[in-house]
Protein backbone atom coordinates (compact mmCIF):
# COMPACT_ATOMS: atom_id res chain seq x y z
CA MET A 1 95.93 89.79 118.61
CA THR A 2 99.48 88.50 118.21
CA LYS A 3 100.19 86.04 115.45
CA ASP A 4 101.60 83.37 117.78
CA LYS A 5 98.23 83.04 119.52
CA GLN A 6 96.45 81.80 116.42
CA LEU A 7 97.22 78.13 115.96
CA ILE A 8 96.61 76.82 112.45
CA THR A 9 95.49 73.19 112.50
CA GLY A 10 94.41 70.62 109.96
CA LYS A 11 90.82 71.61 110.75
CA THR A 12 91.21 75.39 110.41
CA LYS A 13 88.44 76.81 108.24
CA LEU A 14 89.26 79.42 105.63
CA LEU A 15 87.75 82.87 105.04
CA GLY A 16 89.24 85.71 103.01
CA VAL A 17 88.95 88.77 100.83
CA ILE A 18 89.44 88.92 97.05
CA GLY A 19 90.46 92.09 95.23
CA HIS A 20 93.08 93.64 92.99
CA PRO A 21 94.94 95.23 94.61
CA VAL A 22 94.20 93.81 98.06
CA GLU A 23 97.43 94.56 99.94
CA HIS A 24 95.87 97.65 101.56
CA SER A 25 92.87 95.71 102.92
CA LEU A 26 92.23 95.99 106.65
CA SER A 27 89.63 93.21 106.58
CA PRO A 28 92.10 90.54 107.80
CA VAL A 29 92.93 92.71 110.85
CA MET A 30 89.34 93.07 112.03
CA HIS A 31 88.13 89.59 111.09
CA ASN A 32 91.05 87.77 112.69
CA ALA A 33 90.60 89.87 115.84
CA ALA A 34 86.96 88.78 116.00
CA ILE A 35 87.94 85.16 115.32
CA ALA A 36 90.50 85.25 118.16
CA GLN A 37 87.94 86.81 120.53
CA LEU A 38 85.41 84.08 119.66
CA GLY A 39 88.05 81.37 120.09
CA ILE A 40 87.08 79.54 116.90
CA ASP A 41 89.29 77.61 114.47
CA TYR A 42 89.10 79.95 111.47
CA ILE A 43 91.51 82.26 109.67
CA TYR A 44 90.83 85.15 107.27
CA LEU A 45 93.37 85.80 104.50
CA PRO A 46 93.84 88.33 101.67
CA PHE A 47 93.80 86.93 98.12
CA PRO A 48 95.10 89.24 95.36
CA ILE A 49 93.19 88.08 92.28
CA LYS A 50 93.47 89.70 88.86
CA PRO A 51 90.22 90.13 86.89
CA GLU A 52 91.30 87.53 84.31
CA ASP A 53 91.89 84.97 87.09
CA LEU A 54 88.53 85.38 88.85
CA TYR A 55 86.83 82.24 87.48
CA THR A 56 89.87 80.07 88.20
CA ALA A 57 90.18 81.45 91.73
CA ILE A 58 86.52 80.86 92.61
CA SER A 59 86.74 77.30 91.29
CA GLY A 60 89.83 76.81 93.43
CA PHE A 61 88.07 78.17 96.50
CA ALA A 62 85.29 75.62 95.97
CA ALA A 63 87.82 72.82 95.57
CA ILE A 64 89.51 73.56 98.90
CA GLY A 65 86.30 74.22 100.83
CA VAL A 66 86.57 77.94 101.56
CA VAL A 67 83.68 78.87 103.88
CA GLY A 68 83.17 82.37 102.50
CA PHE A 69 84.91 85.51 101.32
CA SER A 70 84.60 89.27 100.97
CA VAL A 71 84.66 90.89 97.53
CA THR A 72 86.26 94.27 96.87
CA ILE A 73 87.36 96.35 93.85
CA PRO A 74 87.23 95.37 90.98
CA HIS A 75 85.20 92.16 91.39
CA LYS A 76 81.89 93.25 92.96
CA GLN A 77 79.93 93.03 89.72
CA ALA A 78 82.11 90.63 87.73
CA ILE A 79 81.59 87.88 90.30
CA ILE A 80 77.79 87.76 89.92
CA PRO A 81 77.69 85.38 86.89
CA LEU A 82 79.98 82.96 88.76
CA LEU A 83 77.56 82.51 91.69
CA SER A 84 74.79 79.94 92.08
CA ALA A 85 72.45 82.41 93.80
CA VAL A 86 72.33 86.11 94.64
CA GLU A 87 70.27 87.52 97.53
CA PRO A 88 67.55 90.10 96.60
CA ILE A 89 69.41 93.09 98.09
CA ALA A 90 72.51 92.27 96.04
CA GLN A 91 70.34 91.74 92.95
CA ALA A 92 68.76 95.15 93.49
CA VAL A 93 72.17 96.76 93.85
CA GLY A 94 73.80 94.71 91.12
CA ALA A 95 76.92 94.25 93.24
CA VAL A 96 78.10 91.55 95.64
CA ASN A 97 80.55 92.11 98.50
CA THR A 98 80.00 88.91 100.51
CA VAL A 99 79.99 85.32 99.26
CA THR A 100 79.14 82.23 101.30
CA ASN A 101 79.55 78.52 100.56
CA LYS A 102 76.12 76.94 101.09
CA ASN A 103 75.87 73.24 100.31
CA ASN A 104 78.82 73.48 97.92
CA SER A 105 77.23 76.40 96.06
CA TRP A 106 78.31 80.04 96.11
CA VAL A 107 75.67 82.49 97.36
CA GLY A 108 76.27 86.25 97.10
CA THR A 109 74.84 89.13 99.09
CA ASN A 110 75.67 92.76 99.83
CA THR A 111 76.39 94.02 103.36
CA ASP A 112 77.81 97.34 102.12
CA ILE A 113 74.40 99.03 102.37
CA GLU A 114 74.08 98.13 106.04
CA GLY A 115 77.66 99.30 106.60
CA PHE A 116 77.18 102.56 104.70
CA LEU A 117 74.03 103.51 106.61
CA ALA A 118 75.33 102.76 110.12
CA PRO A 119 77.25 106.04 110.77
CA LEU A 120 74.64 108.22 108.99
CA GLN A 121 71.70 107.28 111.19
CA THR A 122 72.93 109.55 114.01
CA TYR A 123 73.00 112.78 111.96
CA HIS A 124 69.45 113.26 110.68
CA GLN A 125 66.19 111.62 111.70
CA ASP A 126 64.50 112.76 108.49
CA TRP A 127 66.33 112.61 105.17
CA SER A 128 63.29 113.33 103.00
CA GLN A 129 64.46 116.87 102.15
CA LYS A 130 68.13 115.95 101.75
CA VAL A 131 70.15 115.89 98.54
CA ALA A 132 72.88 113.28 97.99
CA VAL A 133 75.70 113.73 95.47
CA ILE A 134 77.71 110.60 94.75
CA LEU A 135 81.11 110.69 93.06
CA GLY A 136 81.71 107.60 90.90
CA ASN A 137 79.49 104.98 89.35
CA GLY A 138 81.08 101.61 90.11
CA GLY A 139 80.07 98.78 92.42
CA ALA A 140 80.51 100.80 95.62
CA ALA A 141 78.32 103.60 94.22
CA ARG A 142 75.51 101.11 93.77
CA ALA A 143 75.45 100.32 97.49
CA VAL A 144 75.45 104.05 98.27
CA VAL A 145 72.52 104.69 95.91
CA ALA A 146 70.62 101.85 97.60
CA GLY A 147 71.49 103.27 101.02
CA CYS A 148 70.40 106.80 100.09
CA THR A 149 67.15 105.34 98.70
CA GLN A 150 66.55 103.52 102.00
CA LEU A 151 67.23 106.78 103.88
CA GLY A 152 64.55 108.43 101.71
CA CYS A 153 66.72 111.17 100.19
CA ALA A 154 64.75 113.67 98.08
CA GLU A 155 67.35 113.65 95.29
CA ILE A 156 70.23 111.34 94.43
CA HIS A 157 72.79 112.59 91.91
CA VAL A 158 75.54 110.32 90.55
CA VAL A 159 78.54 111.92 88.85
CA GLY A 160 80.97 110.12 86.56
CA ARG A 161 83.47 110.68 83.76
CA ASN A 162 82.29 108.15 81.18
CA VAL A 163 78.96 109.10 79.58
CA GLN A 164 78.14 105.57 78.39
CA ARG A 165 78.86 104.07 81.80
CA LEU A 166 76.64 106.71 83.41
CA ARG A 167 73.81 105.84 81.02
CA ASP A 168 74.28 102.15 81.75
CA PHE A 169 74.34 102.87 85.48
CA SER A 170 71.08 104.82 85.28
CA LYS A 171 69.36 102.23 83.08
CA SER A 172 70.42 99.35 85.33
CA TRP A 173 68.08 100.60 88.08
CA GLU A 174 64.97 100.63 85.87
CA ASN A 175 63.94 97.06 86.72
CA SER A 176 65.38 97.10 90.21
CA LEU A 177 63.46 95.94 93.28
CA LEU A 178 64.25 99.38 94.73
CA GLN A 179 62.33 102.49 93.67
CA VAL A 180 65.33 104.69 92.94
CA ASN A 181 64.99 108.43 92.21
CA LEU A 182 68.28 108.94 90.40
CA SER A 183 69.91 111.53 88.14
CA VAL A 184 73.28 111.02 86.45
CA HIS A 185 75.72 113.77 85.49
CA LYS A 186 79.01 114.24 83.74
CA TRP A 187 81.93 115.38 85.88
CA ASP A 188 81.85 118.92 84.46
CA GLU A 189 78.38 119.43 86.01
CA LEU A 190 79.81 119.15 89.54
CA PRO A 191 80.08 122.93 90.16
CA LYS A 192 76.27 123.29 90.12
CA LEU A 193 75.66 120.13 92.17
CA ILE A 194 78.09 120.58 95.06
CA PRO A 195 76.35 123.65 96.59
CA GLN A 196 73.07 121.64 96.73
CA ALA A 197 74.59 118.62 98.46
CA ASP A 198 73.60 117.71 102.02
CA LEU A 199 75.57 114.49 101.62
CA LEU A 200 78.64 114.24 99.35
CA VAL A 201 80.01 110.73 98.96
CA ASN A 202 83.28 109.65 97.34
CA THR A 203 82.95 106.11 95.99
CA THR A 204 85.95 106.40 93.64
CA PRO A 205 89.36 104.93 94.51
CA ILE A 206 90.95 108.38 94.14
CA GLY A 207 92.90 109.10 97.32
CA MET A 208 93.35 105.45 98.24
CA TYR A 209 96.77 104.10 99.15
CA PRO A 210 99.30 104.47 97.55
CA LYS A 211 98.03 107.67 95.86
CA VAL A 212 97.27 109.35 99.17
CA ASP A 213 97.85 112.93 97.96
CA GLU A 214 94.98 112.85 95.46
CA SER A 215 91.32 113.86 95.79
CA PRO A 216 88.44 113.56 93.31
CA LEU A 217 87.77 117.27 93.88
CA SER A 218 89.96 120.34 93.75
CA ALA A 219 90.07 122.59 96.82
CA ALA A 220 88.12 125.20 94.83
CA GLU A 221 85.35 122.69 94.03
CA MET A 222 85.12 121.54 97.65
CA ALA A 223 84.91 125.19 98.77
CA ASN A 224 81.37 125.29 97.30
CA LEU A 225 80.12 122.60 99.68
CA SER A 226 77.92 123.82 102.52
CA PRO A 227 79.61 123.71 105.96
CA GLN A 228 76.38 122.02 107.14
CA ALA A 229 76.90 119.15 104.68
CA ILE A 230 78.32 115.71 105.39
CA ALA A 231 81.30 114.56 103.32
CA TYR A 232 81.65 110.77 103.37
CA ASP A 233 84.63 108.94 101.89
CA LEU A 234 84.31 105.17 101.51
CA ILE A 235 88.10 104.94 101.61
CA TYR A 236 89.38 104.01 105.08
CA THR A 237 93.12 104.31 104.61
CA PRO A 238 94.68 106.88 104.77
CA ASN A 239 92.67 108.55 107.51
CA PRO A 240 91.67 111.20 106.82
CA THR A 241 91.88 111.17 103.03
CA LYS A 242 92.72 114.33 101.10
CA PHE A 243 89.00 114.54 100.19
CA LEU A 244 88.00 114.60 103.88
CA GLN A 245 90.78 117.03 104.76
CA GLN A 246 89.35 119.40 102.15
CA ALA A 247 85.85 118.97 103.63
CA GLN A 248 87.07 119.58 107.20
CA HIS A 249 88.88 122.70 106.01
CA ILE A 250 85.54 124.30 105.04
CA GLY A 251 83.85 123.10 108.23
CA ALA A 252 81.79 120.23 106.83
CA THR A 253 81.21 117.01 108.79
CA ALA A 254 83.62 114.27 107.70
CA ILE A 255 82.88 110.54 107.84
CA ASP A 256 85.58 108.07 106.83
CA GLY A 257 85.10 104.55 105.57
CA LEU A 258 86.21 102.86 108.79
CA GLU A 259 82.79 102.45 110.40
CA MET A 260 81.29 101.28 107.11
CA LEU A 261 84.11 98.73 106.88
CA VAL A 262 83.49 97.51 110.44
CA GLN A 263 79.71 97.27 110.08
CA GLN A 264 79.69 95.55 106.67
CA GLY A 265 82.37 93.16 107.97
CA ALA A 266 80.39 92.32 111.09
CA ALA A 267 77.30 91.64 108.97
CA ALA A 268 79.36 89.31 106.73
CA LEU A 269 80.90 87.48 109.67
CA LYS A 270 77.43 86.79 111.12
CA ILE A 271 76.48 85.16 107.82
CA TRP A 272 79.63 83.03 107.53
CA LEU A 273 79.55 81.86 111.13
CA GLN A 274 75.73 81.63 111.33
CA ARG A 275 75.74 83.69 114.51
CA GLU A 276 73.32 86.31 115.79
CA SER A 277 76.13 88.52 117.01
CA VAL A 278 79.87 89.03 116.59
CA PRO A 279 82.27 91.25 118.61
CA VAL A 280 81.88 94.50 116.63
CA ASP A 281 83.74 96.54 119.27
CA ILE A 282 86.74 94.22 119.06
CA MET A 283 86.75 94.57 115.25
CA ARG A 284 86.66 98.36 115.49
CA GLN A 285 89.34 98.50 118.19
CA ALA A 286 91.63 96.21 116.19
CA LEU A 287 91.42 98.56 113.21
CA GLN A 288 91.91 101.69 115.29
CA LYS A 289 94.97 100.16 116.95
CA HIS A 290 96.36 99.00 113.62
CA LEU A 291 95.88 102.46 112.11
CA GLY A 292 97.28 104.21 115.18
CA PHE A 293 94.10 106.13 116.04
């Protein structure tokens, strides 16, 4: 889609993504491609919002009639108290990635789980004997834990650096709507966990633009991963990340965050536009073209 084809009018409805930073976001590329394909009078914009400005920004969005917006790092949990209602799946996860204006009230949900699961469904029919190891314990990790629970993984291990945050993360699932079988571990326990992993997921921002030469694991740590395992990085730019390059080097299957991004975005767009379907292929193609795939 070329910019001159999208005519902004006095009736153009506003969608967007909030985050900090948000400059790297590819959401505007895929959503505006879908909007152009559908021929509707909407536009999707990036909004860089600092944590201390979140309340003010959301109030401003309400004042100008924003239809809905995506939520990315670091606002996925912080936004919850600012919403009028939160859908059960987002309550269970404790993180919101999609917000919709319904009758002048903000309603939050989470489409990350749907997005996360989409590329995994093709690899194993039965996950009941599989072990998942998740790096990081922030908002994105919550969606991954929920997804692994829905898959029926035998064991789910979450690894983090801050002991208190790990404890809080574990405790937060106790009254969840999901029956989560979860163990938490300090980072120095990784050497014993990696060889067991059938699915190794990076939910940390390590390796994200602009720090593209970093990985949450050393090459020596990654060398202990089974070549039969799946390494999944939620980061979608650069592609592949250093983490996935390390995994490919040992022969493991690598999944990048692009398909998760497309699928969670499509699910969000259906909600905002109140449509049964949106042009997912167009969204994916727009991202692939933008990234030079």
